[in-house]
Amino acid sequence: MYRWFNISGPCNSDDHYMLSPTVRLPSLERLIRQRSYFVIHAPRQTGKTTAILALAEQITSMGEYCAVITHAA
């Protein structure tokens, strides 16, 4: 399957060209372990949703946490 540059919605590394979102935000794991609050704030279409989805998958796969994502209506 061919990959392409996604210009809308969350990216999927199997379908889209992308940098690893968790590598770009290295301090988040430390903040989660400290039970600290954090905000991901950036302009539109910069990867915020993709980063949060990847982070949720990463921390859930470690087995210590279970990330739950809800979408506002």
C-alpha atoms as a PDB file:
ATOM      1  CA  MET A   1       0.000   0.000   0.000  1.00  0.00           C
ATOM      2  CA  TYR A   2       1.223   3.469  -0.806  1.00  0.00           C
ATOM      3  CA  ARG A   3       1.695   6.080   1.912  1.00  0.00           C
ATOM      4  CA  TRP A   4       0.813   9.734   1.431  1.00  0.00           C
ATOM      5  CA  PHE A   5       0.917  13.058   3.257  1.00  0.00           C
ATOM      6  CA  ASN A   6      -2.247  13.483   5.281  1.00  0.00           C
ATOM      7  CA  ILE A   7      -3.634  17.019   5.422  1.00  0.00           C
ATOM      8  CA  SER A   8      -6.693  16.445   7.600  1.00  0.00           C
ATOM      9  CA  GLY A   9      -7.516  14.344  10.641  1.00  0.00           C
ATOM     10  CA  PRO A  10      -5.278  12.086  12.721  1.00  0.00           C
ATOM     11  CA  CYS A  11      -2.329  10.424  11.002  1.00  0.00           C
ATOM     12  CA  ASN A  12      -1.700   6.696  10.910  1.00  0.00           C
ATOM     13  CA  SER A  13       1.914   5.612  10.387  1.00  0.00           C
ATOM     14  CA  ASP A  14       0.781   2.687   8.213  1.00  0.00           C
ATOM     15  CA  ASP A  15      -0.965   5.049   5.787  1.00  0.00           C
ATOM     16  CA  HIS A  16       0.749   8.416   6.156  1.00  0.00           C
ATOM     17  CA  TYR A  17       4.236   9.878   6.110  1.00  0.00           C
ATOM     18  CA  MET A  18       4.893  11.211   9.605  1.00  0.00           C
ATOM     19  CA  LEU A  19       7.403  11.733  12.386  1.00  0.00           C
ATOM     20  CA  SER A  20       6.868   9.813  15.591  1.00  0.00           C
ATOM     21  CA  PRO A  21       4.629  12.033  17.737  1.00  0.00           C
ATOM     22  CA  THR A  22       5.867  10.599  21.045  1.00  0.00           C
ATOM     23  CA  VAL A  23       9.507  11.338  20.174  1.00  0.00           C
ATOM     24  CA  ARG A  24       8.585  14.983  19.635  1.00  0.00           C
ATOM     25  CA  LEU A  25       7.081  15.207  23.155  1.00  0.00           C
ATOM     26  CA  PRO A  26       9.655  13.455  25.370  1.00  0.00           C
ATOM     27  CA  SER A  27       8.613  14.996  28.700  1.00  0.00           C
ATOM     28  CA  LEU A  28       5.032  13.700  28.652  1.00  0.00           C
ATOM     29  CA  GLU A  29       5.873  10.296  30.116  1.00  0.00           C
ATOM     30  CA  ARG A  30       7.587  11.992  33.074  1.00  0.00           C
ATOM     31  CA  LEU A  31       4.576  14.274  33.613  1.00  0.00           C
ATOM     32  CA  ILE A  32       2.228  11.291  33.566  1.00  0.00           C
ATOM     33  CA  ARG A  33       4.353   9.392  36.097  1.00  0.00           C
ATOM     34  CA  GLN A  34       4.319  12.486  38.345  1.00  0.00           C
ATOM     35  CA  ARG A  35       0.525  12.651  37.937  1.00  0.00           C
ATOM     36  CA  SER A  36       0.897  16.192  36.662  1.00  0.00           C
ATOM     37  CA  TYR A  37      -1.471  18.061  34.406  1.00  0.00           C
ATOM     38  CA  PHE A  38      -0.283  19.109  30.981  1.00  0.00           C
ATOM     39  CA  VAL A  39      -1.704  20.892  27.963  1.00  0.00           C
ATOM     40  CA  ILE A  40      -0.908  20.244  24.337  1.00  0.00           C
ATOM     41  CA  HIS A  41      -1.369  23.602  22.672  1.00  0.00           C
ATOM     42  CA  ALA A  42      -0.406  24.278  19.068  1.00  0.00           C
ATOM     43  CA  PRO A  43      -1.833  25.712  15.869  1.00  0.00           C
ATOM     44  CA  ARG A  44      -4.286  23.686  13.848  1.00  0.00           C
ATOM     45  CA  GLN A  45      -3.028  20.759  11.791  1.00  0.00           C
ATOM     46  CA  THR A  46       0.241  20.364  13.702  1.00  0.00           C
ATOM     47  CA  GLY A  47      -0.404  16.862  15.066  1.00  0.00           C
ATOM     48  CA  LYS A  48      -2.073  17.379  18.451  1.00  0.00           C
ATOM     49  CA  THR A  49      -4.700  14.662  17.976  1.00  0.00           C
ATOM     50  CA  THR A  50      -2.209  12.290  16.408  1.00  0.00           C
ATOM     51  CA  ALA A  51       0.179  12.852  19.330  1.00  0.00           C
ATOM     52  CA  ILE A  52      -2.496  12.225  21.970  1.00  0.00           C
ATOM     53  CA  LEU A  53      -3.696   9.045  20.220  1.00  0.00           C
ATOM     54  CA  ALA A  54      -0.124   7.732  19.946  1.00  0.00           C
ATOM     55  CA  LEU A  55       0.561   8.633  23.579  1.00  0.00           C
ATOM     56  CA  ALA A  56      -2.585   6.816  24.708  1.00  0.00           C
ATOM     57  CA  GLU A  57      -1.575   3.717  22.763  1.00  0.00           C
ATOM     58  CA  GLN A  58       1.983   3.860  24.130  1.00  0.00           C
ATOM     59  CA  ILE A  59       1.105   4.218  27.800  1.00  0.00           C
ATOM     60  CA  THR A  60      -1.647   1.595  27.578  1.00  0.00           C
ATOM     61  CA  SER A  61       0.734  -0.892  25.953  1.00  0.00           C
ATOM     62  CA  MET A  62       3.197  -0.482  28.851  1.00  0.00           C
ATOM     63  CA  GLY A  63       0.584  -2.107  31.095  1.00  0.00           C
ATOM     64  CA  GLU A  64       0.798   0.314  34.011  1.00  0.00           C
ATOM     65  CA  TYR A  65      -1.959   2.650  32.816  1.00  0.00           C
ATOM     66  CA  CYS A  66      -5.095   2.365  30.724  1.00  0.00           C
ATOM     67  CA  ALA A  67      -5.643   5.470  28.633  1.00  0.00           C
ATOM     68  CA  VAL A  68      -9.226   6.399  27.821  1.00  0.00           C
ATOM     69  CA  ILE A  69     -10.043   8.916  25.106  1.00  0.00           C
ATOM     70  CA  THR A  70     -13.454  10.514  24.856  1.00  0.00           C
ATOM     71  CA  HIS A  71     -14.635  12.731  22.069  1.00  0.00           C
ATOM     72  CA  ALA A  72     -16.829  15.723  22.864  1.00  0.00           C
ATOM     73  CA  ALA A  73     -20.029  15.928  20.881  1.00  0.00           C
END
